[in-house]
Amino acid sequence: LAVATRYSFIVPSATMIMHPVRMNGMVLGT
């Protein structure tokens, strides 16, 4: 969402977190 614009800014104290896709609950067919 942040990189979708034509130009982007971030304030010095702000953070971004990159992590893998996750889900909650039971998983069938691993």
PDB file of all heavy atoms in Angstrom:
ATOM      1  N   LEU A   1       0.826  -1.205   0.000  1.00  0.00           N
ATOM      2  CA  LEU A   1       0.000   0.000   0.000  1.00  0.00           C
ATOM      3  C   LEU A   1       0.862   1.257   0.000  1.00  0.00           C
ATOM      4  O   LEU A   1       0.575   2.230  -0.698  1.00  0.00           O
ATOM      5  CB  LEU A   1      -0.930   0.004   1.221  1.00  0.00           C
ATOM      6  CG  LEU A   1      -2.147  -0.916   1.142  1.00  0.00           C
ATOM      7  CD1 LEU A   1      -2.790  -1.082   2.511  1.00  0.00           C
ATOM      8  CD2 LEU A   1      -3.161  -0.385   0.142  1.00  0.00           C
ATOM      9  N   ALA A   2       1.951   1.240   0.768  1.00  0.00           N
ATOM     10  CA  ALA A   2       2.821   2.417   0.871  1.00  0.00           C
ATOM     11  C   ALA A   2       3.601   2.665  -0.410  1.00  0.00           C
ATOM     12  O   ALA A   2       3.844   3.827  -0.778  1.00  0.00           O
ATOM     13  CB  ALA A   2       3.787   2.257   2.045  1.00  0.00           C
ATOM     14  N   VAL A   3       3.998   1.594  -1.099  1.00  0.00           N
ATOM     15  CA  VAL A   3       4.814   1.772  -2.310  1.00  0.00           C
ATOM     16  C   VAL A   3       3.972   1.913  -3.565  1.00  0.00           C
ATOM     17  O   VAL A   3       4.512   2.126  -4.656  1.00  0.00           O
ATOM     18  CB  VAL A   3       5.821   0.606  -2.479  1.00  0.00           C
ATOM     19  CG1 VAL A   3       6.687   0.457  -1.242  1.00  0.00           C
ATOM     20  CG2 VAL A   3       5.119  -0.707  -2.797  1.00  0.00           C
ATOM     21  N   ALA A   4       2.650   1.804  -3.443  1.00  0.00           N
ATOM     22  CA  ALA A   4       1.776   1.851  -4.611  1.00  0.00           C
ATOM     23  C   ALA A   4       1.693   3.243  -5.233  1.00  0.00           C
ATOM     24  O   ALA A   4       1.333   3.379  -6.404  1.00  0.00           O
ATOM     25  CB  ALA A   4       0.367   1.379  -4.235  1.00  0.00           C
ATOM     26  N   THR A   5       2.011   4.276  -4.465  1.00  0.00           N
ATOM     27  CA  THR A   5       1.924   5.646  -4.975  1.00  0.00           C
ATOM     28  C   THR A   5       3.141   5.968  -5.832  1.00  0.00           C
ATOM     29  O   THR A   5       4.146   5.256  -5.815  1.00  0.00           O
ATOM     30  CB  THR A   5       1.839   6.644  -3.817  1.00  0.00           C
ATOM     31  OG1 THR A   5       2.953   6.445  -2.940  1.00  0.00           O
ATOM     32  CG2 THR A   5       0.552   6.463  -3.027  1.00  0.00           C
ATOM     33  N   ARG A   6       3.075   7.088  -6.545  1.00  0.00           N
ATOM     34  CA  ARG A   6       4.180   7.477  -7.425  1.00  0.00           C
ATOM     35  C   ARG A   6       5.398   7.951  -6.633  1.00  0.00           C
ATOM     36  O   ARG A   6       6.527   7.891  -7.133  1.00  0.00           O
ATOM     37  CB  ARG A   6       3.720   8.578  -8.372  1.00  0.00           C
ATOM     38  CG  ARG A   6       2.581   8.163  -9.299  1.00  0.00           C
ATOM     39  CD  ARG A   6       2.340   9.207 -10.361  1.00  0.00           C
ATOM     40  NE  ARG A   6       1.106   8.951 -11.093  1.00  0.00           N
ATOM     41  CZ  ARG A   6       0.653   9.709 -12.072  1.00  0.00           C
ATOM     42  NH1 ARG A   6       1.345  10.782 -12.437  1.00  0.00           N
ATOM     43  NH2 ARG A   6      -0.483   9.413 -12.683  1.00  0.00           N
ATOM     44  N   TYR A   7       5.180   8.454  -5.419  1.00  0.00           N
ATOM     45  CA  TYR A   7       6.295   8.881  -4.568  1.00  0.00           C
ATOM     46  C   TYR A   7       5.901   8.596  -3.129  1.00  0.00           C
ATOM     47  O   TYR A   7       4.711   8.619  -2.778  1.00  0.00           O
ATOM     48  CB  TYR A   7       6.574  10.375  -4.755  1.00  0.00           C
ATOM     49  CG  TYR A   7       7.981  10.786  -4.384  1.00  0.00           C
ATOM     50  CD1 TYR A   7       9.013  10.710  -5.309  1.00  0.00           C
ATOM     51  CD2 TYR A   7       8.277  11.250  -3.106  1.00  0.00           C
ATOM     52  CE1 TYR A   7      10.301  11.079  -4.976  1.00  0.00           C
ATOM     53  CE2 TYR A   7       9.567  11.620  -2.757  1.00  0.00           C
ATOM     54  CZ  TYR A   7      10.572  11.542  -3.698  1.00  0.00           C
ATOM     55  OH  TYR A   7      11.861  11.908  -3.350  1.00  0.00           O
ATOM     56  N   SER A   8       6.889   8.307  -2.282  1.00  0.00           N
ATOM     57  CA  SER A   8       6.593   7.903  -0.905  1.00  0.00           C
ATOM     58  C   SER A   8       7.538   8.552   0.092  1.00  0.00           C
ATOM     59  O   SER A   8       8.709   8.802  -0.206  1.00  0.00           O
ATOM     60  CB  SER A   8       6.662   6.376  -0.773  1.00  0.00           C
ATOM     61  OG  SER A   8       7.930   5.894  -1.217  1.00  0.00           O
ATOM     62  N   PHE A   9       7.002   8.815   1.286  1.00  0.00           N
ATOM     63  CA  PHE A   9       7.768   9.376   2.400  1.00  0.00           C
ATOM     64  C   PHE A   9       7.556   8.511   3.639  1.00  0.00           C
ATOM     65  O   PHE A   9       6.545   7.821   3.773  1.00  0.00           O
ATOM     66  CB  PHE A   9       7.306  10.798   2.730  1.00  0.00           C
ATOM     67  CG  PHE A   9       7.701  11.845   1.725  1.00  0.00           C
ATOM     68  CD1 PHE A   9       6.901  12.086   0.621  1.00  0.00           C
ATOM     69  CD2 PHE A   9       8.853  12.599   1.886  1.00  0.00           C
ATOM     70  CE1 PHE A   9       7.248  13.051  -0.319  1.00  0.00           C
ATOM     71  CE2 PHE A   9       9.211  13.565   0.956  1.00  0.00           C
ATOM     72  CZ  PHE A   9       8.403  13.792  -0.142  1.00  0.00           C
ATOM     73  N   ILE A  10       8.518   8.593   4.562  1.00  0.00           N
ATOM     74  CA  ILE A  10       8.380   7.958   5.866  1.00  0.00           C
ATOM     75  C   ILE A  10       8.997   8.880   6.909  1.00  0.00           C
ATOM     76  O   ILE A  10      10.067   9.452   6.679  1.00  0.00           O
ATOM     77  CB  ILE A  10       9.065   6.562   5.895  1.00  0.00           C
ATOM     78  CG1 ILE A  10       8.800   5.856   7.226  1.00  0.00           C
ATOM     79  CG2 ILE A  10      10.548   6.646   5.594  1.00  0.00           C
ATOM     80  CD1 ILE A  10       9.234   4.384   7.241  1.00  0.00           C
ATOM     81  N   VAL A  11       8.320   9.074   8.041  1.00  0.00           N
ATOM     82  CA  VAL A  11       8.887   9.895   9.103  1.00  0.00           C
ATOM     83  C   VAL A  11       9.991   9.095   9.797  1.00  0.00           C
ATOM     84  O   VAL A  11       9.994   7.858   9.744  1.00  0.00           O
ATOM     85  CB  VAL A  11       7.814  10.345  10.121  1.00  0.00           C
ATOM     86  CG1 VAL A  11       6.767  11.219   9.435  1.00  0.00           C
ATOM     87  CG2 VAL A  11       7.168   9.164  10.810  1.00  0.00           C
ATOM     88  N   PRO A  12      10.955   9.758  10.468  1.00  0.00           N
ATOM     89  CA  PRO A  12      12.112   9.052  11.024  1.00  0.00           C
ATOM     90  C   PRO A  12      11.774   7.929  12.001  1.00  0.00           C
ATOM     91  O   PRO A  12      12.492   6.919  12.066  1.00  0.00           O
ATOM     92  CB  PRO A  12      12.894  10.171  11.723  1.00  0.00           C
ATOM     93  CG  PRO A  12      12.532  11.406  10.972  1.00  0.00           C
ATOM     94  CD  PRO A  12      11.090  11.226  10.587  1.00  0.00           C
ATOM     95  N   SER A  13      10.694   8.061  12.771  1.00  0.00           N
ATOM     96  CA  SER A  13      10.383   7.056  13.795  1.00  0.00           C
ATOM     97  C   SER A  13       9.424   5.976  13.319  1.00  0.00           C
ATOM     98  O   SER A  13       9.134   5.029  14.055  1.00  0.00           O
ATOM     99  CB  SER A  13       9.778   7.740  15.033  1.00  0.00           C
ATOM    100  OG  SER A  13       8.548   8.363  14.695  1.00  0.00           O
ATOM    101  N   ALA A  14       8.913   6.084  12.100  1.00  0.00           N
ATOM    102  CA  ALA A  14       7.942   5.106  11.598  1.00  0.00           C
ATOM    103  C   ALA A  14       8.630   3.794  11.225  1.00  0.00           C
ATOM    104  O   ALA A  14       9.841   3.760  10.960  1.00  0.00           O
ATOM    105  CB  ALA A  14       7.200   5.666  10.387  1.00  0.00           C
ATOM    106  N   THR A  15       7.850   2.711  11.173  1.00  0.00           N
ATOM    107  CA  THR A  15       8.417   1.398  10.865  1.00  0.00           C
ATOM    108  C   THR A  15       7.644   0.696   9.759  1.00  0.00           C
ATOM    109  O   THR A  15       6.461   0.949   9.539  1.00  0.00           O
ATOM    110  CB  THR A  15       8.406   0.468  12.103  1.00  0.00           C
ATOM    111  OG1 THR A  15       7.054   0.205  12.498  1.00  0.00           O
ATOM    112  CG2 THR A  15       9.167   1.088  13.251  1.00  0.00           C
ATOM    113  N   MET A  16       8.354  -0.193   9.073  1.00  0.00           N
ATOM    114  CA  MET A  16       7.752  -1.100   8.112  1.00  0.00           C
ATOM    115  C   MET A  16       8.196  -2.512   8.493  1.00  0.00           C
ATOM    116  O   MET A  16       9.355  -2.708   8.877  1.00  0.00           O
ATOM    117  CB  MET A  16       8.197  -0.779   6.684  1.00  0.00           C
ATOM    118  CG  MET A  16       7.898   0.639   6.233  1.00  0.00           C
ATOM    119  SD  MET A  16       8.388   0.946   4.516  1.00  0.00           S
ATOM    120  CE  MET A  16       7.017   0.186   3.634  1.00  0.00           C
ATOM    121  N   ILE A  17       7.298  -3.472   8.404  1.00  0.00           N
ATOM    122  CA  ILE A  17       7.642  -4.862   8.703  1.00  0.00           C
ATOM    123  C   ILE A  17       7.326  -5.738   7.498  1.00  0.00           C
ATOM    124  O   ILE A  17       6.202  -5.740   6.995  1.00  0.00           O
ATOM    125  CB  ILE A  17       6.888  -5.402   9.937  1.00  0.00           C
ATOM    126  CG1 ILE A  17       7.344  -4.676  11.203  1.00  0.00           C
ATOM    127  CG2 ILE A  17       7.136  -6.903  10.089  1.00  0.00           C
ATOM    128  CD1 ILE A  17       6.689  -5.181  12.475  1.00  0.00           C
ATOM    129  N   MET A  18       8.344  -6.446   7.041  1.00  0.00           N
ATOM    130  CA  MET A  18       8.186  -7.457   5.980  1.00  0.00           C
ATOM    131  C   MET A  18       8.195  -8.828   6.635  1.00  0.00           C
ATOM    132  O   MET A  18       9.120  -9.155   7.383  1.00  0.00           O
ATOM    133  CB  MET A  18       9.346  -7.354   4.990  1.00  0.00           C
ATOM    134  CG  MET A  18       9.360  -6.108   4.136  1.00  0.00           C
ATOM    135  SD  MET A  18       8.140  -6.154   2.813  1.00  0.00           S
ATOM    136  CE  MET A  18       8.629  -7.637   1.933  1.00  0.00           C
ATOM    137  N   HIS A  19       7.168  -9.630   6.387  1.00  0.00           N
ATOM    138  CA  HIS A  19       7.143 -11.002   6.910  1.00  0.00           C
ATOM    139  C   HIS A  19       6.370 -11.895   5.960  1.00  0.00           C
ATOM    140  O   HIS A  19       5.602 -11.402   5.113  1.00  0.00           O
ATOM    141  CB  HIS A  19       6.547 -11.047   8.317  1.00  0.00           C
ATOM    142  CG  HIS A  19       5.100 -10.662   8.392  1.00  0.00           C
ATOM    143  ND1 HIS A  19       4.090 -11.449   7.908  1.00  0.00           N
ATOM    144  CD2 HIS A  19       4.502  -9.566   8.906  1.00  0.00           C
ATOM    145  CE1 HIS A  19       2.928 -10.867   8.114  1.00  0.00           C
ATOM    146  NE2 HIS A  19       3.146  -9.716   8.709  1.00  0.00           N
ATOM    147  N   PRO A  20       6.524 -13.214   6.072  1.00  0.00           N
ATOM    148  CA  PRO A  20       5.815 -14.123   5.158  1.00  0.00           C
ATOM    149  C   PRO A  20       4.301 -14.074   5.377  1.00  0.00           C
ATOM    150  O   PRO A  20       3.818 -13.621   6.415  1.00  0.00           O
ATOM    151  CB  PRO A  20       6.371 -15.508   5.529  1.00  0.00           C
ATOM    152  CG  PRO A  20       7.619 -15.242   6.292  1.00  0.00           C
ATOM    153  CD  PRO A  20       7.428 -13.935   6.975  1.00  0.00           C
ATOM    154  N   VAL A  21       3.562 -14.566   4.390  1.00  0.00           N
ATOM    155  CA  VAL A  21       2.114 -14.679   4.516  1.00  0.00           C
ATOM    156  C   VAL A  21       1.778 -15.689   5.603  1.00  0.00           C
ATOM    157  O   VAL A  21       2.401 -16.747   5.703  1.00  0.00           O
ATOM    158  CB  VAL A  21       1.485 -15.123   3.174  1.00  0.00           C
ATOM    159  CG1 VAL A  21      -0.020 -15.342   3.324  1.00  0.00           C
ATOM    160  CG2 VAL A  21       1.754 -14.086   2.105  1.00  0.00           C
ATOM    161  N   ARG A  22       0.780 -15.345   6.442  1.00  0.00           N
ATOM    162  CA  ARG A  22       0.405 -16.223   7.557  1.00  0.00           C
ATOM    163  C   ARG A  22      -1.094 -16.450   7.568  1.00  0.00           C
ATOM    164  O   ARG A  22      -1.850 -15.714   6.958  1.00  0.00           O
ATOM    165  CB  ARG A  22       0.826 -15.581   8.880  1.00  0.00           C
ATOM    166  CG  ARG A  22       2.314 -15.335   8.994  1.00  0.00           C
ATOM    167  CD  ARG A  22       2.660 -14.609  10.258  1.00  0.00           C
ATOM    168  NE  ARG A  22       2.006 -13.296  10.359  1.00  0.00           N
ATOM    169  CZ  ARG A  22       2.443 -12.318  11.134  1.00  0.00           C
ATOM    170  NH1 ARG A  22       3.518 -12.490  11.859  1.00  0.00           N
ATOM    171  NH2 ARG A  22       1.808 -11.180  11.187  1.00  0.00           N
ATOM    172  N   MET A  23      -1.522 -17.489   8.321  1.00  0.00           N
ATOM    173  CA  MET A  23      -2.949 -17.707   8.523  1.00  0.00           C
ATOM    174  C   MET A  23      -3.166 -18.341   9.882  1.00  0.00           C
ATOM    175  O   MET A  23      -2.245 -18.920  10.481  1.00  0.00           O
ATOM    176  CB  MET A  23      -3.531 -18.621   7.432  1.00  0.00           C
ATOM    177  CG  MET A  23      -3.142 -20.076   7.520  1.00  0.00           C
ATOM    178  SD  MET A  23      -4.065 -21.136   6.382  1.00  0.00           S
ATOM    179  CE  MET A  23      -5.703 -21.051   7.095  1.00  0.00           C
ATOM    180  N   ASN A  24      -4.397 -18.201  10.379  1.00  0.00           N
ATOM    181  CA  ASN A  24      -4.778 -18.817  11.645  1.00  0.00           C
ATOM    182  C   ASN A  24      -5.751 -19.971  11.382  1.00  0.00           C
ATOM    183  O   ASN A  24      -6.416 -20.015  10.349  1.00  0.00           O
ATOM    184  CB  ASN A  24      -5.462 -17.791  12.560  1.00  0.00           C
ATOM    185  CG  ASN A  24      -4.518 -16.676  12.947  1.00  0.00           C
ATOM    186  OD1 ASN A  24      -3.352 -16.897  13.210  1.00  0.00           O
ATOM    187  ND2 ASN A  24      -5.048 -15.447  12.971  1.00  0.00           N
ATOM    188  N   GLY A  25      -5.831 -20.896  12.352  1.00  0.00           N
ATOM    189  CA  GLY A  25      -6.809 -21.977  12.246  1.00  0.00           C
ATOM    190  C   GLY A  25      -6.237 -23.260  11.673  1.00  0.00           C
ATOM    191  O   GLY A  25      -5.044 -23.388  11.408  1.00  0.00           O
ATOM    192  N   MET A  26      -7.110 -24.222  11.461  1.00  0.00           N
ATOM    193  CA  MET A  26      -6.719 -25.543  10.983  1.00  0.00           C
ATOM    194  C   MET A  26      -6.332 -25.495   9.502  1.00  0.00           C
ATOM    195  O   MET A  26      -6.950 -24.778   8.711  1.00  0.00           O
ATOM    196  CB  MET A  26      -7.877 -26.532  11.173  1.00  0.00           C
ATOM    197  CG  MET A  26      -7.539 -27.966  10.777  1.00  0.00           C
ATOM    198  SD  MET A  26      -8.942 -29.079  11.022  1.00  0.00           S
ATOM    199  CE  MET A  26      -9.154 -28.964  12.806  1.00  0.00           C
ATOM    200  N   VAL A  27      -5.314 -26.264   9.144  1.00  0.00           N
ATOM    201  CA  VAL A  27      -4.859 -26.374   7.759  1.00  0.00           C
ATOM    202  C   VAL A  27      -5.104 -27.792   7.267  1.00  0.00           C
ATOM    203  O   VAL A  27      -4.646 -28.760   7.879  1.00  0.00           O
ATOM    204  CB  VAL A  27      -3.352 -26.029   7.634  1.00  0.00           C
ATOM    205  CG1 VAL A  27      -2.877 -26.275   6.210  1.00  0.00           C
ATOM    206  CG2 VAL A  27      -3.096 -24.593   8.049  1.00  0.00           C
ATOM    207  N   LEU A  28      -5.846 -27.909   6.163  1.00  0.00           N
ATOM    208  CA  LEU A  28      -6.092 -29.212   5.533  1.00  0.00           C
ATOM    209  C   LEU A  28      -5.372 -29.243   4.187  1.00  0.00           C
ATOM    210  O   LEU A  28      -5.465 -28.299   3.413  1.00  0.00           O
ATOM    211  CB  LEU A  28      -7.585 -29.437   5.331  1.00  0.00           C
ATOM    212  CG  LEU A  28      -8.452 -29.481   6.591  1.00  0.00           C
ATOM    213  CD1 LEU A  28      -9.915 -29.612   6.207  1.00  0.00           C
ATOM    214  CD2 LEU A  28      -8.027 -30.605   7.504  1.00  0.00           C
ATOM    215  N   GLY A  29      -4.681 -30.332   3.917  1.00  0.00           N
ATOM    216  CA  GLY A  29      -3.944 -30.426   2.655  1.00  0.00           C
ATOM    217  C   GLY A  29      -2.724 -29.530   2.680  1.00  0.00           C
ATOM    218  O   GLY A  29      -2.671 -28.512   2.001  1.00  0.00           O
ATOM    219  N   THR A  30      -1.717 -29.923   3.466  1.00  0.00           N
ATOM    220  CA  THR A  30      -0.548 -29.066   3.668  1.00  0.00           C
ATOM    221  C   THR A  30       0.182 -28.706   2.375  1.00  0.00           C
ATOM    222  O   THR A  30       0.512 -27.534   2.171  1.00  0.00           O
ATOM    223  CB  THR A  30       0.430 -29.738   4.651  1.00  0.00           C
ATOM    224  OG1 THR A  30      -0.249 -30.009   5.871  1.00  0.00           O
ATOM    225  CG2 THR A  30       1.615 -28.820   4.932  1.00  0.00           C
TER     226      THR A  30
END
